[in-house]
């Protein structure tokens, strides 16, 4: 067994409040053949409170690593992306 697995992944990313952040993240995951289950966003009220986005989708561990590298290169980040698999029984 290689230790690789497919699981829902939770991502939390904080952006500058610009349009298209969820679309950009979903596009990256789609490039790796994965579809999202849910995504949501809280609009930032000011420059002091940027927008917060959540993304949950089924992703193979290898693809999650590749997608995260690509997502980290996008220009909207205010803080590092939180990414973790949701391990189910």
N, C-alpha and C. Protein backbone atom coordinates (compact mmCIF):
# COMPACT_ATOMS: atom_id res chain seq x y z
N UNK A 1 0.84 -1.18 0.00
CA UNK A 1 0.00 0.00 0.00
C UNK A 1 0.88 1.24 0.00
N UNK A 2 0.54 2.20 -0.84
CA UNK A 2 1.40 3.37 -1.02
C UNK A 2 1.14 4.48 -0.03
N UNK A 3 0.02 4.45 0.68
CA UNK A 3 -0.32 5.54 1.57
C UNK A 3 -1.07 6.66 0.87
N UNK A 4 -1.23 6.56 -0.45
CA UNK A 4 -1.99 7.56 -1.20
C UNK A 4 -3.47 7.25 -1.08
N UNK A 5 -4.31 8.26 -1.05
CA UNK A 5 -5.74 8.04 -0.89
C UNK A 5 -6.52 9.17 -1.53
N UNK A 6 -7.80 8.91 -1.75
CA UNK A 6 -8.74 9.93 -2.21
C UNK A 6 -9.67 10.24 -1.05
N UNK A 7 -9.87 11.52 -0.80
CA UNK A 7 -10.72 11.93 0.32
C UNK A 7 -11.25 13.33 0.03
N UNK A 8 -12.30 13.71 0.74
CA UNK A 8 -12.70 15.11 0.66
C UNK A 8 -11.60 15.96 1.31
N UNK A 9 -11.29 17.06 0.72
CA UNK A 9 -10.31 17.99 1.28
C UNK A 9 -10.99 19.29 1.62
N UNK A 10 -10.60 19.83 2.74
CA UNK A 10 -11.09 21.14 3.18
C UNK A 10 -9.99 22.15 2.93
N UNK A 11 -10.32 23.22 2.25
CA UNK A 11 -9.38 24.32 2.04
C UNK A 11 -10.00 25.60 2.57
N UNK A 12 -9.21 26.36 3.26
CA UNK A 12 -9.65 27.68 3.71
C UNK A 12 -8.61 28.66 3.21
N UNK A 13 -9.06 29.63 2.46
CA UNK A 13 -8.13 30.62 1.97
C UNK A 13 -8.72 32.00 2.12
N UNK A 14 -7.86 32.93 2.43
CA UNK A 14 -8.25 34.31 2.67
C UNK A 14 -7.70 35.13 1.52
N UNK A 15 -8.62 35.83 0.85
CA UNK A 15 -8.23 36.60 -0.33
C UNK A 15 -8.41 38.08 -0.14
N UNK A 16 -7.92 38.82 -1.12
CA UNK A 16 -7.94 40.28 -1.09
C UNK A 16 -9.32 40.86 -1.34
N UNK A 17 -10.33 40.05 -1.51
CA UNK A 17 -11.66 40.57 -1.74
C UNK A 17 -11.96 40.82 -3.21
N UNK A 18 -11.20 40.20 -4.09
CA UNK A 18 -11.44 40.40 -5.52
C UNK A 18 -12.38 39.32 -6.06
N UNK A 19 -13.01 39.61 -7.14
CA UNK A 19 -13.93 38.66 -7.77
C UNK A 19 -13.17 37.51 -8.41
N UNK A 20 -13.82 36.33 -8.46
CA UNK A 20 -13.28 35.21 -9.22
C UNK A 20 -12.38 34.26 -8.44
N UNK A 21 -12.27 34.43 -7.14
CA UNK A 21 -11.37 33.58 -6.36
C UNK A 21 -11.86 32.13 -6.37
N UNK A 22 -13.13 31.90 -6.06
CA UNK A 22 -13.64 30.52 -6.06
C UNK A 22 -13.56 29.90 -7.44
N UNK A 23 -13.83 30.68 -8.46
CA UNK A 23 -13.73 30.17 -9.83
C UNK A 23 -12.30 29.75 -10.15
N UNK A 24 -11.34 30.53 -9.71
CA UNK A 24 -9.94 30.21 -9.98
C UNK A 24 -9.53 28.91 -9.29
N UNK A 25 -9.95 28.74 -8.04
CA UNK A 25 -9.62 27.52 -7.30
C UNK A 25 -10.31 26.31 -7.91
N UNK A 26 -11.59 26.44 -8.25
CA UNK A 26 -12.32 25.34 -8.87
C UNK A 26 -11.70 24.96 -10.21
N UNK A 27 -11.23 25.93 -10.96
CA UNK A 27 -10.58 25.66 -12.24
C UNK A 27 -9.32 24.84 -12.05
N UNK A 28 -8.54 25.17 -11.03
CA UNK A 28 -7.31 24.41 -10.75
C UNK A 28 -7.67 22.95 -10.44
N UNK A 29 -8.64 22.73 -9.55
CA UNK A 29 -9.00 21.36 -9.21
C UNK A 29 -9.59 20.61 -10.40
N UNK A 30 -10.36 21.28 -11.23
CA UNK A 30 -10.93 20.65 -12.41
C UNK A 30 -9.82 20.18 -13.36
N UNK A 31 -8.76 20.94 -13.42
CA UNK A 31 -7.62 20.58 -14.27
C UNK A 31 -7.04 19.22 -13.85
N UNK A 32 -7.19 18.87 -12.59
CA UNK A 32 -6.71 17.59 -12.09
C UNK A 32 -7.81 16.54 -12.03
N UNK A 33 -8.94 16.81 -12.67
CA UNK A 33 -10.02 15.83 -12.78
C UNK A 33 -10.88 15.71 -11.54
N UNK A 34 -10.86 16.70 -10.69
CA UNK A 34 -11.64 16.65 -9.46
C UNK A 34 -12.76 17.68 -9.50
N UNK A 35 -13.86 17.33 -8.87
CA UNK A 35 -15.01 18.23 -8.80
C UNK A 35 -15.21 18.66 -7.36
N UNK A 36 -15.67 19.86 -7.16
CA UNK A 36 -15.93 20.31 -5.80
C UNK A 36 -17.30 19.87 -5.34
N UNK A 37 -17.46 19.68 -4.05
CA UNK A 37 -18.74 19.36 -3.44
C UNK A 37 -19.44 20.63 -2.99
N UNK A 38 -18.70 21.44 -2.29
CA UNK A 38 -19.27 22.67 -1.73
C UNK A 38 -18.20 23.74 -1.76
N UNK A 39 -18.65 24.96 -1.90
CA UNK A 39 -17.75 26.08 -1.72
C UNK A 39 -18.59 27.23 -1.19
N UNK A 40 -17.96 28.10 -0.48
CA UNK A 40 -18.66 29.25 0.07
C UNK A 40 -17.69 30.39 0.23
N UNK A 41 -18.23 31.57 0.39
CA UNK A 41 -17.39 32.75 0.56
C UNK A 41 -18.08 33.73 1.49
N UNK A 42 -17.29 34.38 2.30
CA UNK A 42 -17.75 35.49 3.13
C UNK A 42 -17.08 36.73 2.57
N UNK A 43 -17.85 37.68 2.14
CA UNK A 43 -17.28 38.90 1.57
C UNK A 43 -16.59 39.70 2.66
N UNK A 44 -15.45 40.27 2.30
CA UNK A 44 -14.74 41.14 3.23
C UNK A 44 -15.47 42.47 3.35
N UNK A 45 -15.51 43.00 4.53
CA UNK A 45 -16.19 44.27 4.76
C UNK A 45 -15.28 45.46 4.51
N UNK A 46 -13.98 45.21 4.55
CA UNK A 46 -13.02 46.28 4.33
C UNK A 46 -11.67 45.66 4.01
N UNK A 47 -10.69 46.49 3.75
CA UNK A 47 -9.34 45.98 3.51
C UNK A 47 -8.79 45.29 4.75
N UNK A 48 -9.31 45.66 5.92
CA UNK A 48 -8.86 45.04 7.16
C UNK A 48 -9.48 43.66 7.36
N UNK A 49 -10.58 43.38 6.70
CA UNK A 49 -11.23 42.07 6.79
C UNK A 49 -11.43 41.52 5.39
N UNK A 50 -10.42 40.85 4.87
CA UNK A 50 -10.53 40.30 3.51
C UNK A 50 -11.53 39.16 3.44
N UNK A 51 -11.84 38.73 2.23
CA UNK A 51 -12.81 37.66 2.05
C UNK A 51 -12.22 36.32 2.45
N UNK A 52 -13.09 35.46 2.99
CA UNK A 52 -12.69 34.11 3.41
C UNK A 52 -13.47 33.13 2.55
N UNK A 53 -12.78 32.15 2.02
CA UNK A 53 -13.39 31.18 1.12
C UNK A 53 -13.13 29.77 1.63
N UNK A 54 -14.11 28.89 1.42
CA UNK A 54 -13.99 27.49 1.82
C UNK A 54 -14.31 26.63 0.60
N UNK A 55 -13.56 25.57 0.45
CA UNK A 55 -13.74 24.67 -0.68
C UNK A 55 -13.63 23.25 -0.17
N UNK A 56 -14.58 22.40 -0.50
CA UNK A 56 -14.51 20.99 -0.12
C UNK A 56 -14.77 20.17 -1.38
N UNK A 57 -13.87 19.26 -1.66
CA UNK A 57 -14.04 18.41 -2.82
C UNK A 57 -13.28 17.11 -2.65
N UNK A 58 -13.70 16.07 -3.38
CA UNK A 58 -13.00 14.79 -3.35
C UNK A 58 -11.76 14.90 -4.23
N UNK A 59 -10.62 14.64 -3.64
CA UNK A 59 -9.35 14.81 -4.34
C UNK A 59 -8.43 13.66 -3.97
N UNK A 60 -7.68 13.16 -4.94
CA UNK A 60 -6.63 12.19 -4.65
C UNK A 60 -5.48 12.96 -4.01
N UNK A 61 -4.83 12.36 -3.04
CA UNK A 61 -3.76 13.03 -2.29
C UNK A 61 -2.70 13.63 -3.21
N UNK A 62 -2.27 12.89 -4.21
CA UNK A 62 -1.25 13.37 -5.15
C UNK A 62 -1.75 14.61 -5.88
N UNK A 63 -3.02 14.58 -6.32
CA UNK A 63 -3.59 15.72 -7.03
C UNK A 63 -3.78 16.92 -6.11
N UNK A 64 -4.12 16.65 -4.85
CA UNK A 64 -4.27 17.75 -3.89
C UNK A 64 -2.96 18.50 -3.73
N UNK A 65 -1.86 17.77 -3.64
CA UNK A 65 -0.54 18.43 -3.52
C UNK A 65 -0.25 19.29 -4.74
N UNK A 66 -0.49 18.74 -5.91
CA UNK A 66 -0.22 19.49 -7.15
C UNK A 66 -1.11 20.72 -7.26
N UNK A 67 -2.40 20.53 -6.97
CA UNK A 67 -3.34 21.66 -7.05
C UNK A 67 -2.96 22.74 -6.05
N UNK A 68 -2.59 22.35 -4.84
CA UNK A 68 -2.23 23.33 -3.82
C UNK A 68 -1.00 24.15 -4.23
N UNK A 69 -0.04 23.51 -4.87
CA UNK A 69 1.13 24.25 -5.37
C UNK A 69 0.69 25.31 -6.37
N UNK A 70 -0.23 24.94 -7.24
CA UNK A 70 -0.72 25.88 -8.25
C UNK A 70 -1.57 26.99 -7.60
N UNK A 71 -2.41 26.63 -6.65
CA UNK A 71 -3.25 27.61 -5.96
C UNK A 71 -2.40 28.60 -5.19
N UNK A 72 -1.32 28.12 -4.58
CA UNK A 72 -0.45 29.02 -3.82
C UNK A 72 0.21 30.07 -4.70
N UNK A 73 0.30 29.81 -6.00
CA UNK A 73 0.90 30.80 -6.93
C UNK A 73 -0.09 31.86 -7.38
N UNK A 74 -1.39 31.68 -7.09
CA UNK A 74 -2.38 32.69 -7.45
C UNK A 74 -2.15 33.95 -6.62
N UNK A 75 -2.59 35.09 -7.13
CA UNK A 75 -2.19 36.37 -6.53
C UNK A 75 -3.17 36.97 -5.52
N UNK A 76 -4.16 36.23 -5.07
CA UNK A 76 -5.16 36.82 -4.19
C UNK A 76 -4.90 36.59 -2.70
N UNK A 77 -3.93 35.79 -2.34
CA UNK A 77 -3.75 35.36 -0.95
C UNK A 77 -3.34 36.49 -0.01
N UNK A 78 -3.96 36.47 1.17
CA UNK A 78 -3.59 37.38 2.25
C UNK A 78 -2.84 36.60 3.34
N UNK A 79 -3.13 35.30 3.43
CA UNK A 79 -2.45 34.42 4.38
C UNK A 79 -2.35 33.04 3.73
N UNK A 80 -1.48 32.17 4.27
CA UNK A 80 -1.31 30.83 3.67
C UNK A 80 -2.62 30.03 3.67
N UNK A 81 -2.75 29.18 2.67
CA UNK A 81 -3.93 28.32 2.54
C UNK A 81 -3.88 27.22 3.60
N UNK A 82 -5.00 26.97 4.23
CA UNK A 82 -5.14 25.84 5.14
C UNK A 82 -5.76 24.71 4.30
N UNK A 83 -5.09 23.58 4.25
CA UNK A 83 -5.54 22.45 3.44
C UNK A 83 -5.39 21.18 4.25
N UNK A 84 -6.49 20.41 4.38
CA UNK A 84 -6.41 19.16 5.11
C UNK A 84 -7.46 18.18 4.62
N UNK A 85 -7.09 16.89 4.59
CA UNK A 85 -8.08 15.90 4.21
C UNK A 85 -9.10 15.70 5.33
N UNK A 86 -10.31 15.34 4.94
CA UNK A 86 -11.35 15.02 5.90
C UNK A 86 -11.40 13.49 5.94
N UNK A 87 -10.87 12.91 6.98
CA UNK A 87 -10.78 11.45 7.07
C UNK A 87 -12.06 10.92 7.69
N UNK A 88 -12.70 10.02 6.97
CA UNK A 88 -13.98 9.44 7.39
C UNK A 88 -13.79 7.99 7.77
N UNK A 89 -14.63 7.49 8.63
CA UNK A 89 -14.62 6.07 8.98
C UNK A 89 -15.11 5.23 7.86
